[in-house]
Amino acid sequence: MYDLKNLSKMNSLGALAPEAMNAFVAFDKAALAEGAIPRKYKELIALAVACTTQCLYCIEIHSNNARGLGTSDHEIAEAVLVAAALRAGGAITHGTHALKGT
């Protein structure tokens, strides 16, 4: 199912729903643009989020974008582990709902 060639089908989405797709593309571009947070850090944030959503396309795209902006494997590893810590923390805090007044 996962194949980077599938991303070419985004053109079909654009043809079928141009207004919504154009809005998405513009939003995505604006969100990742250089700003108060440098693009390199935004790509690391995107990579971390992609790890938590487990989107292989986003992991591929944002890790490559981050590397293109000078990100090292050490920085990528730390971003991945931050994502893992947040995901684990969410499981632990939600797990407290399973306890019966202990």
N, C-alpha and C. Protein backbone atom coordinates (compact mmCIF):
# COMPACT_ATOMS: atom_id res chain seq x y z
N MET A 1 0.82 -1.18 0.00
CA MET A 1 0.00 0.00 0.00
C MET A 1 0.87 1.26 0.00
N TYR A 2 1.91 1.28 0.83
CA TYR A 2 2.79 2.44 0.89
C TYR A 2 3.73 2.43 -0.31
N ASP A 3 3.60 3.44 -1.12
CA ASP A 3 4.45 3.60 -2.29
C ASP A 3 4.48 5.09 -2.60
N LEU A 4 5.67 5.66 -2.61
CA LEU A 4 5.79 7.10 -2.87
C LEU A 4 5.16 7.50 -4.20
N LYS A 5 5.03 6.56 -5.12
CA LYS A 5 4.38 6.87 -6.40
C LYS A 5 2.92 7.27 -6.20
N ASN A 6 2.32 6.83 -5.10
CA ASN A 6 0.93 7.19 -4.82
C ASN A 6 0.75 8.69 -4.64
N LEU A 7 1.82 9.38 -4.27
CA LEU A 7 1.72 10.82 -4.08
C LEU A 7 1.37 11.55 -5.38
N SER A 8 1.66 10.92 -6.51
CA SER A 8 1.29 11.54 -7.79
C SER A 8 -0.23 11.62 -7.94
N LYS A 9 -0.95 10.82 -7.17
CA LYS A 9 -2.41 10.85 -7.21
C LYS A 9 -2.97 12.10 -6.55
N MET A 10 -2.11 12.86 -5.88
CA MET A 10 -2.57 14.12 -5.30
C MET A 10 -3.06 15.06 -6.39
N ASN A 11 -2.49 14.92 -7.59
CA ASN A 11 -2.97 15.71 -8.72
C ASN A 11 -4.43 15.41 -9.02
N SER A 12 -4.80 14.15 -8.85
CA SER A 12 -6.20 13.77 -9.06
C SER A 12 -7.10 14.41 -8.01
N LEU A 13 -6.63 14.45 -6.78
CA LEU A 13 -7.40 15.13 -5.74
C LEU A 13 -7.60 16.59 -6.09
N GLY A 14 -6.53 17.21 -6.59
CA GLY A 14 -6.61 18.61 -6.99
C GLY A 14 -7.59 18.83 -8.13
N ALA A 15 -7.62 17.89 -9.06
CA ALA A 15 -8.55 18.02 -10.19
C ALA A 15 -10.00 17.80 -9.75
N LEU A 16 -10.19 16.90 -8.81
CA LEU A 16 -11.55 16.57 -8.36
C LEU A 16 -12.10 17.56 -7.33
N ALA A 17 -11.20 18.16 -6.55
CA ALA A 17 -11.63 19.11 -5.52
C ALA A 17 -10.62 20.26 -5.46
N PRO A 18 -10.56 21.06 -6.52
CA PRO A 18 -9.49 22.07 -6.62
C PRO A 18 -9.50 23.12 -5.52
N GLU A 19 -10.64 23.60 -5.13
CA GLU A 19 -10.67 24.65 -4.13
C GLU A 19 -10.10 24.16 -2.79
N ALA A 20 -10.55 23.01 -2.36
CA ALA A 20 -10.07 22.45 -1.10
C ALA A 20 -8.60 22.08 -1.18
N MET A 21 -8.19 21.47 -2.30
CA MET A 21 -6.79 21.07 -2.44
C MET A 21 -5.88 22.28 -2.49
N ASN A 22 -6.27 23.31 -3.22
CA ASN A 22 -5.45 24.53 -3.28
C ASN A 22 -5.34 25.17 -1.90
N ALA A 23 -6.42 25.14 -1.14
CA ALA A 23 -6.38 25.68 0.22
C ALA A 23 -5.44 24.87 1.10
N PHE A 24 -5.48 23.54 0.97
CA PHE A 24 -4.57 22.70 1.74
C PHE A 24 -3.12 22.99 1.39
N VAL A 25 -2.81 23.05 0.10
CA VAL A 25 -1.43 23.29 -0.34
C VAL A 25 -0.93 24.63 0.18
N ALA A 26 -1.77 25.65 0.09
CA ALA A 26 -1.38 26.98 0.57
C ALA A 26 -1.16 26.96 2.08
N PHE A 27 -2.05 26.28 2.82
CA PHE A 27 -1.90 26.20 4.27
C PHE A 27 -0.62 25.45 4.64
N ASP A 28 -0.38 24.32 4.00
CA ASP A 28 0.81 23.52 4.28
C ASP A 28 2.08 24.34 4.02
N LYS A 29 2.09 25.05 2.91
CA LYS A 29 3.25 25.88 2.56
C LYS A 29 3.45 26.99 3.59
N ALA A 30 2.37 27.64 4.01
CA ALA A 30 2.48 28.72 4.99
C ALA A 30 2.94 28.19 6.35
N ALA A 31 2.41 27.05 6.75
CA ALA A 31 2.76 26.48 8.05
C ALA A 31 4.23 26.11 8.14
N LEU A 32 4.80 25.67 7.03
CA LEU A 32 6.19 25.22 7.03
C LEU A 32 7.18 26.30 6.57
N ALA A 33 6.68 27.47 6.28
CA ALA A 33 7.56 28.56 5.81
C ALA A 33 8.43 29.09 6.95
N GLU A 34 9.53 29.68 6.58
CA GLU A 34 10.42 30.34 7.54
C GLU A 34 9.61 31.39 8.30
N GLY A 35 9.78 31.44 9.59
CA GLY A 35 9.07 32.41 10.42
C GLY A 35 9.79 32.54 11.75
N ALA A 36 9.03 32.75 12.81
CA ALA A 36 9.62 32.83 14.14
C ALA A 36 10.35 31.53 14.47
N ILE A 37 9.83 30.42 13.94
CA ILE A 37 10.51 29.13 14.06
C ILE A 37 11.19 28.86 12.73
N PRO A 38 12.50 28.59 12.74
CA PRO A 38 13.20 28.30 11.48
C PRO A 38 12.65 27.05 10.80
N ARG A 39 12.74 27.00 9.48
CA ARG A 39 12.22 25.86 8.70
C ARG A 39 12.80 24.54 9.17
N LYS A 40 14.09 24.53 9.53
CA LYS A 40 14.72 23.30 9.99
C LYS A 40 13.96 22.73 11.19
N TYR A 41 13.61 23.59 12.13
CA TYR A 41 12.89 23.12 13.32
C TYR A 41 11.46 22.72 12.98
N LYS A 42 10.86 23.44 12.04
CA LYS A 42 9.51 23.07 11.62
C LYS A 42 9.50 21.69 10.98
N GLU A 43 10.53 21.39 10.21
CA GLU A 43 10.61 20.06 9.60
C GLU A 43 10.83 18.98 10.66
N LEU A 44 11.60 19.29 11.70
CA LEU A 44 11.78 18.33 12.79
C LEU A 44 10.46 18.13 13.55
N ILE A 45 9.71 19.20 13.75
CA ILE A 45 8.40 19.08 14.39
C ILE A 45 7.50 18.21 13.52
N ALA A 46 7.49 18.48 12.21
CA ALA A 46 6.67 17.71 11.28
C ALA A 46 7.07 16.24 11.31
N LEU A 47 8.35 15.97 11.37
CA LEU A 47 8.83 14.60 11.43
C LEU A 47 8.35 13.92 12.71
N ALA A 48 8.45 14.62 13.83
CA ALA A 48 8.02 14.04 15.10
C ALA A 48 6.52 13.74 15.07
N VAL A 49 5.74 14.67 14.55
CA VAL A 49 4.30 14.44 14.45
C VAL A 49 4.03 13.27 13.51
N ALA A 50 4.75 13.19 12.41
CA ALA A 50 4.58 12.09 11.46
C ALA A 50 4.87 10.75 12.12
N CYS A 51 5.83 10.73 13.03
CA CYS A 51 6.12 9.49 13.75
C CYS A 51 4.96 9.10 14.65
N THR A 52 4.30 10.08 15.26
CA THR A 52 3.17 9.75 16.13
C THR A 52 1.93 9.37 15.33
N THR A 53 1.74 9.98 14.16
CA THR A 53 0.60 9.60 13.32
C THR A 53 0.93 8.39 12.46
N GLN A 54 2.19 8.02 12.42
CA GLN A 54 2.70 6.86 11.69
C GLN A 54 2.43 6.96 10.20
N CYS A 55 2.59 8.16 9.66
CA CYS A 55 2.43 8.37 8.22
C CYS A 55 3.79 8.20 7.54
N LEU A 56 3.94 7.09 6.84
CA LEU A 56 5.22 6.80 6.20
C LEU A 56 5.58 7.84 5.14
N TYR A 57 4.57 8.38 4.47
CA TYR A 57 4.84 9.41 3.46
C TYR A 57 5.43 10.64 4.13
N CYS A 58 4.80 11.08 5.23
CA CYS A 58 5.28 12.28 5.92
C CYS A 58 6.65 12.06 6.55
N ILE A 59 6.88 10.86 7.08
CA ILE A 59 8.20 10.56 7.65
C ILE A 59 9.26 10.71 6.56
N GLU A 60 9.00 10.13 5.41
CA GLU A 60 9.94 10.20 4.28
C GLU A 60 10.16 11.65 3.84
N ILE A 61 9.08 12.36 3.61
CA ILE A 61 9.16 13.72 3.10
C ILE A 61 9.84 14.65 4.09
N HIS A 62 9.41 14.62 5.34
CA HIS A 62 9.93 15.58 6.31
C HIS A 62 11.33 15.24 6.79
N SER A 63 11.70 13.97 6.81
CA SER A 63 13.10 13.66 7.16
C SER A 63 14.02 14.10 6.02
N ASN A 64 13.59 13.91 4.79
CA ASN A 64 14.40 14.39 3.65
C ASN A 64 14.48 15.91 3.64
N ASN A 65 13.35 16.58 3.88
CA ASN A 65 13.37 18.05 3.94
C ASN A 65 14.29 18.54 5.05
N ALA A 66 14.22 17.90 6.21
CA ALA A 66 15.06 18.29 7.33
C ALA A 66 16.54 18.11 6.99
N ARG A 67 16.87 16.98 6.37
CA ARG A 67 18.27 16.75 5.98
C ARG A 67 18.73 17.80 4.97
N GLY A 68 17.84 18.19 4.07
CA GLY A 68 18.17 19.21 3.10
C GLY A 68 18.44 20.57 3.73
N LEU A 69 17.95 20.75 4.94
CA LEU A 69 18.18 21.99 5.67
C LEU A 69 19.32 21.86 6.68
N GLY A 70 20.10 20.78 6.55
CA GLY A 70 21.29 20.61 7.39
C GLY A 70 21.08 19.84 8.67
N THR A 71 19.95 19.17 8.81
CA THR A 71 19.68 18.41 10.02
C THR A 71 20.52 17.14 10.04
N SER A 72 21.08 16.85 11.20
CA SER A 72 21.92 15.66 11.36
C SER A 72 21.07 14.47 11.80
N ASP A 73 21.64 13.28 11.68
CA ASP A 73 20.97 12.08 12.16
C ASP A 73 20.76 12.16 13.67
N HIS A 74 21.69 12.78 14.39
CA HIS A 74 21.52 12.95 15.83
C HIS A 74 20.28 13.79 16.14
N GLU A 75 20.07 14.87 15.41
CA GLU A 75 18.89 15.71 15.62
C GLU A 75 17.61 14.96 15.27
N ILE A 76 17.66 14.20 14.19
CA ILE A 76 16.49 13.40 13.80
C ILE A 76 16.18 12.36 14.88
N ALA A 77 17.21 11.70 15.38
CA ALA A 77 17.01 10.70 16.43
C ALA A 77 16.37 11.32 17.66
N GLU A 78 16.83 12.50 18.06
CA GLU A 78 16.24 13.16 19.23
C GLU A 78 14.79 13.55 18.98
N ALA A 79 14.48 14.04 17.79
CA ALA A 79 13.09 14.39 17.46
C ALA A 79 12.20 13.16 17.52
N VAL A 80 12.68 12.04 17.00
CA VAL A 80 11.92 10.79 17.03
C VAL A 80 11.68 10.35 18.48
N LEU A 81 12.70 10.49 19.32
CA LEU A 81 12.54 10.07 20.71
C LEU A 81 11.64 11.00 21.50
N VAL A 82 11.64 12.29 21.16
CA VAL A 82 10.68 13.21 21.78
C VAL A 82 9.26 12.76 21.41
N ALA A 83 9.05 12.43 20.14
CA ALA A 83 7.74 11.96 19.70
C ALA A 83 7.34 10.69 20.46
N ALA A 84 8.28 9.78 20.62
CA ALA A 84 8.00 8.52 21.32
C ALA A 84 7.67 8.80 22.79
N ALA A 85 8.37 9.72 23.41
CA ALA A 85 8.11 10.05 24.82
C ALA A 85 6.72 10.65 24.98
N LEU A 86 6.32 11.53 24.05
CA LEU A 86 4.99 12.13 24.12
C LEU A 86 3.91 11.09 23.90
N ARG A 87 4.14 10.20 22.97
CA ARG A 87 3.16 9.14 22.70
C ARG A 87 3.03 8.22 23.91
N ALA A 88 4.17 7.88 24.52
CA ALA A 88 4.14 7.03 25.71
C ALA A 88 3.49 7.76 26.88
N GLY A 89 3.79 9.04 27.01
CA GLY A 89 3.19 9.83 28.08
C GLY A 89 1.68 9.89 27.95
N GLY A 90 1.20 10.00 26.73
CA GLY A 90 -0.23 10.00 26.49
C GLY A 90 -0.87 8.69 26.91
N ALA A 91 -0.19 7.59 26.63
CA ALA A 91 -0.71 6.28 27.02
C ALA A 91 -0.76 6.16 28.54
N ILE A 92 0.27 6.64 29.20
CA ILE A 92 0.32 6.54 30.66
C ILE A 92 -0.76 7.41 31.30
N THR A 93 -0.87 8.67 30.85
CA THR A 93 -1.86 9.54 31.47
C THR A 93 -3.28 9.08 31.17
N HIS A 94 -3.53 8.57 29.96
CA HIS A 94 -4.85 8.04 29.65
C HIS A 94 -5.11 6.75 30.43
N GLY A 95 -4.04 6.01 30.71
CA GLY A 95 -4.18 4.78 31.49
C GLY A 95 -4.70 5.01 32.90
N THR A 96 -4.50 6.24 33.42
CA THR A 96 -5.01 6.52 34.77
C THR A 96 -6.53 6.44 34.80
N HIS A 97 -7.18 6.59 33.68
CA HIS A 97 -8.65 6.48 33.63
C HIS A 97 -9.11 5.04 33.87
N ALA A 98 -8.20 4.10 33.70
CA ALA A 98 -8.56 2.70 33.89
C ALA A 98 -8.48 2.29 35.37
N LEU A 99 -7.88 3.13 36.20
CA LEU A 99 -7.74 2.78 37.62
C LEU A 99 -9.03 3.08 38.38
N LYS A 100 -9.25 2.29 39.40
CA LYS A 100 -10.45 2.45 40.23
C LYS A 100 -10.06 3.04 41.57
N GLY A 101 -9.90 4.34 41.65
CA GLY A 101 -9.70 5.04 42.92
C GLY A 101 -8.56 4.57 43.80
N THR A 102 -7.53 4.02 43.22
CA THR A 102 -6.38 3.57 44.04
C THR A 102 -5.46 4.70 44.39
